[in-house]
Structures are given as C-alpha cells and as structure tokens.
Protein backbone atom coordinates (compact mmCIF):
# COMPACT_ATOMS: atom_id res chain seq x y z
CA MET A 1 73.10 139.54 109.41
CA SER A 2 73.38 135.68 109.23
CA ALA A 3 72.93 134.40 106.09
CA GLU A 4 69.51 132.88 107.42
CA LEU A 5 68.45 136.12 108.37
CA GLN A 6 69.13 137.56 104.75
CA GLN A 7 67.59 134.40 103.22
CA LEU A 8 64.27 135.63 104.81
CA TYR A 9 64.42 139.04 104.42
CA GLN A 10 65.09 138.01 100.58
CA GLN A 11 61.78 135.87 101.11
CA ILE A 12 60.25 138.90 102.55
CA ILE A 13 60.96 140.63 99.23
CA LEU A 14 60.15 138.12 96.84
CA ASP A 15 56.74 137.65 98.51
CA HIS A 16 55.45 141.31 98.42
CA SER A 17 57.02 141.79 94.70
CA LYS A 18 54.28 138.85 93.76
CA SER A 19 51.33 139.54 95.80
CA ARG A 20 51.05 143.19 95.84
CA HIS A 21 49.39 144.55 98.59
CA GLY A 22 47.62 148.00 98.47
CA GLU A 23 47.88 147.74 94.67
CA GLY A 24 45.28 149.99 93.33
CA LEU A 25 44.18 153.39 94.07
CA LYS A 26 41.55 153.98 96.05
CA GLU A 27 38.73 156.55 96.38
CA ALA A 28 38.76 159.05 99.21
CA ALA A 29 35.55 158.33 101.23
CA GLU A 30 33.05 161.35 102.26
CA GLY A 31 34.84 163.28 105.34
CA THR A 32 38.49 162.16 104.59
CA VAL A 33 41.32 164.07 103.01
CA ALA A 34 43.21 162.72 100.14
CA GLY A 35 47.26 163.42 99.28
CA GLN A 36 48.93 162.05 95.74
CA SER A 37 52.06 161.78 94.77
CA HIS A 38 53.56 160.11 91.25
CA GLN A 39 57.36 159.09 91.53
CA TYR A 40 59.56 158.21 88.83
CA ASN A 41 63.30 156.95 89.06
CA PRO A 42 64.97 157.93 85.87
CA THR A 43 67.85 155.12 86.74
CA CYS A 44 65.82 152.06 86.30
CA GLY A 45 62.35 153.25 85.35
CA ASP A 46 60.04 152.36 88.51
CA GLU A 47 57.46 154.25 88.87
CA ILE A 48 54.75 154.60 91.39
CA THR A 49 51.42 156.77 91.81
CA LEU A 50 50.62 156.59 95.71
CA ARG A 51 47.56 158.05 97.54
CA VAL A 52 47.49 158.62 101.24
CA ILE A 53 44.33 159.01 103.00
CA ARG A 54 43.38 160.50 106.05
CA ASN A 55 40.79 160.95 108.82
CA GLY A 56 41.98 163.98 110.62
CA ASP A 57 45.66 163.17 111.90
CA THR A 58 44.84 159.10 111.37
CA ILE A 59 46.22 157.74 108.12
CA ALA A 60 42.84 155.89 107.33
CA ALA A 61 44.59 153.94 103.97
CA VAL A 62 47.67 153.82 101.61
CA SER A 63 46.84 152.97 97.89
CA TRP A 64 48.98 152.62 94.96
CA GLU A 65 49.70 152.20 91.44
CA GLY A 66 52.84 151.38 90.20
CA ASP A 67 55.56 149.31 87.56
CA GLY A 68 58.95 148.40 88.50
CA CYS A 69 61.46 145.57 90.30
CA SER A 70 60.63 143.42 92.72
CA ILE A 71 62.56 145.89 95.52
CA SER A 72 60.48 149.09 94.59
CA MET A 73 57.04 147.36 93.79
CA ALA A 74 57.47 145.14 97.34
CA ALA A 75 58.42 148.36 99.16
CA ALA A 76 55.50 149.56 98.14
CA SER A 77 53.72 146.88 99.69
CA VAL A 78 55.47 146.29 102.60
CA LEU A 79 54.48 150.08 103.69
CA THR A 80 50.92 149.44 102.63
CA ASP A 81 50.50 146.77 105.74
CA MET A 82 52.79 148.64 108.06
CA VAL A 83 50.07 151.81 107.68
CA GLY A 84 47.17 149.35 107.58
CA ASP A 85 47.11 149.74 111.53
CA GLY A 86 45.92 153.45 111.21
CA LEU A 87 49.14 155.40 111.83
CA SER A 88 49.14 159.30 112.52
CA GLN A 89 50.62 161.48 110.69
CA THR A 90 53.48 161.87 112.78
CA GLU A 91 54.07 158.00 113.68
CA LEU A 92 54.29 157.97 109.16
CA LEU A 93 56.84 160.29 109.08
CA GLY A 94 58.88 158.71 112.12
CA LEU A 95 58.92 155.43 110.17
CA ILE A 96 59.63 156.77 106.89
CA ASP A 97 62.66 158.90 108.19
CA ASN A 98 63.72 155.59 109.75
CA PHE A 99 63.45 154.16 106.55
CA ARG A 100 65.44 156.23 105.15
CA GLU A 101 68.58 155.98 107.42
CA VAL A 102 68.80 152.66 107.12
CA LEU A 103 68.85 152.92 103.64
CA ARG A 104 71.25 155.72 103.22
CA SER A 105 73.69 154.24 105.55
CA ARG A 106 75.44 151.49 103.42
CA GLY A 107 74.92 148.63 105.77
CA THR A 108 76.13 150.65 108.87
CA VAL A 109 72.79 151.48 110.75
CA GLU A 110 71.01 147.84 111.40
CA ALA A 111 67.06 148.04 110.86
CA ASP A 112 65.25 147.58 114.08
CA GLU A 113 62.41 144.81 113.08
CA GLU A 114 60.58 146.40 116.28
CA VAL A 115 60.04 149.53 114.38
CA LEU A 116 60.45 148.63 110.44
CA GLY A 117 58.41 145.46 110.83
CA ASP A 118 58.69 143.71 107.55
CA ALA A 119 60.47 146.77 106.18
CA ALA A 120 63.45 145.37 107.91
CA ALA A 121 63.92 143.33 104.76
CA PHE A 122 65.54 146.56 102.69
CA SER A 123 68.40 146.48 105.01
CA GLY A 124 70.19 144.98 102.97
CA VAL A 125 69.75 147.06 99.79
CA SER A 126 71.51 149.88 101.78
CA ARG A 127 74.60 148.02 100.51
CA TYR A 128 73.66 148.72 96.87
CA PRO A 129 73.23 152.39 96.10
CA ALA A 130 71.88 152.36 92.91
CA ARG A 131 68.99 149.94 94.42
CA VAL A 132 68.10 152.27 97.69
CA LYS A 133 66.22 154.61 95.35
CA CYS A 134 64.10 151.72 94.31
CA ALA A 135 63.25 150.64 97.72
CA MET A 136 62.33 154.56 98.75
CA LEU A 137 60.28 155.42 95.81
CA ALA A 138 57.02 154.06 97.60
CA TRP A 139 58.03 155.76 100.69
CA VAL A 140 58.87 159.01 99.32
CA ALA A 141 55.79 158.88 97.38
CA ALA A 142 54.10 158.33 100.93
CA GLU A 143 56.05 161.48 102.21
CA GLU A 144 54.98 163.73 99.47
CA ALA A 145 51.44 162.77 99.51
CA MET A 146 50.91 163.01 103.50
CA LEU A 147 51.75 166.63 102.85
CA ALA A 148 49.80 167.12 99.81
CA SER A 149 46.87 166.14 101.82
CA ARG A 150 46.96 168.82 104.72
C-alpha cells in the first residue's frame, strides 16, 4: 500500500472517529423489526450496543451507542454509512464476511474499495492483531443484531 493511500485511510478513520455517523440508538418504527447486540472487548475496554432495524429483508437502519478507541468508533460509523443505502440481510452478511476476511489476513488480503468502500481504510489494522478486535466489534454486533431480529 502506498504511503499516500495509507495516509488517506488514516484520515478516514480519524474523521469517522470524530464525527460519528449513526450514533444514538434509534427506535423501530411500526411494521419494522429490531435486533440488538452488546459487544465488549475486554482487552482494551471498547464497548458497543448496536441495533439493526429491518423492514422485511431490507436493513432499514443501523444505530449504535459506544465508547472506545478511534478504530472501534470509526468502524461503527463507517458500517452505519454503508448500510444506509438499504442493504438486504444477505448483502450485509456478505460485507461482514468480506471485512472479517481482510482483517484476519494479517495484511495478505487487500481490501476491495469497490466492495468495502470506506471500510477498506481498516485494511492496515490487519497487521496489528490486538487492534483487529477493535475494528471488528461493531461488525460482530451488527451480525448478531441482525440474526436476533429474525
């Protein structure tokens, strides 16, 4: 990864950690179904409660409350933005699997920006195993919340 791209990715993470999108748990509207998951990373103390609201098979909203490092909070913010376009449950699970594969690769799998968008910014985290859990926290919560809403 070029130094310029790495710097851009760092800026995306910093921007999302300062201006957190989707923060504040939303209530489910009538006719929708909500699932929620609370995740805690005992290694560093990061914590998040994430709610997924579905309208049929479509994700209507993702919202969250949390406290933690810039990586975990930025990852929740980026996830919220990605789902904001009304993904299906299958599409969201595919994104989560793709994100997980990149982060667990220890730098051997390059993130596809066409698929992951701003979430590709976290690809550098894969080289720091202790930080992978920080980046995955919201994504694991989204997966469990979505499954809980079924």
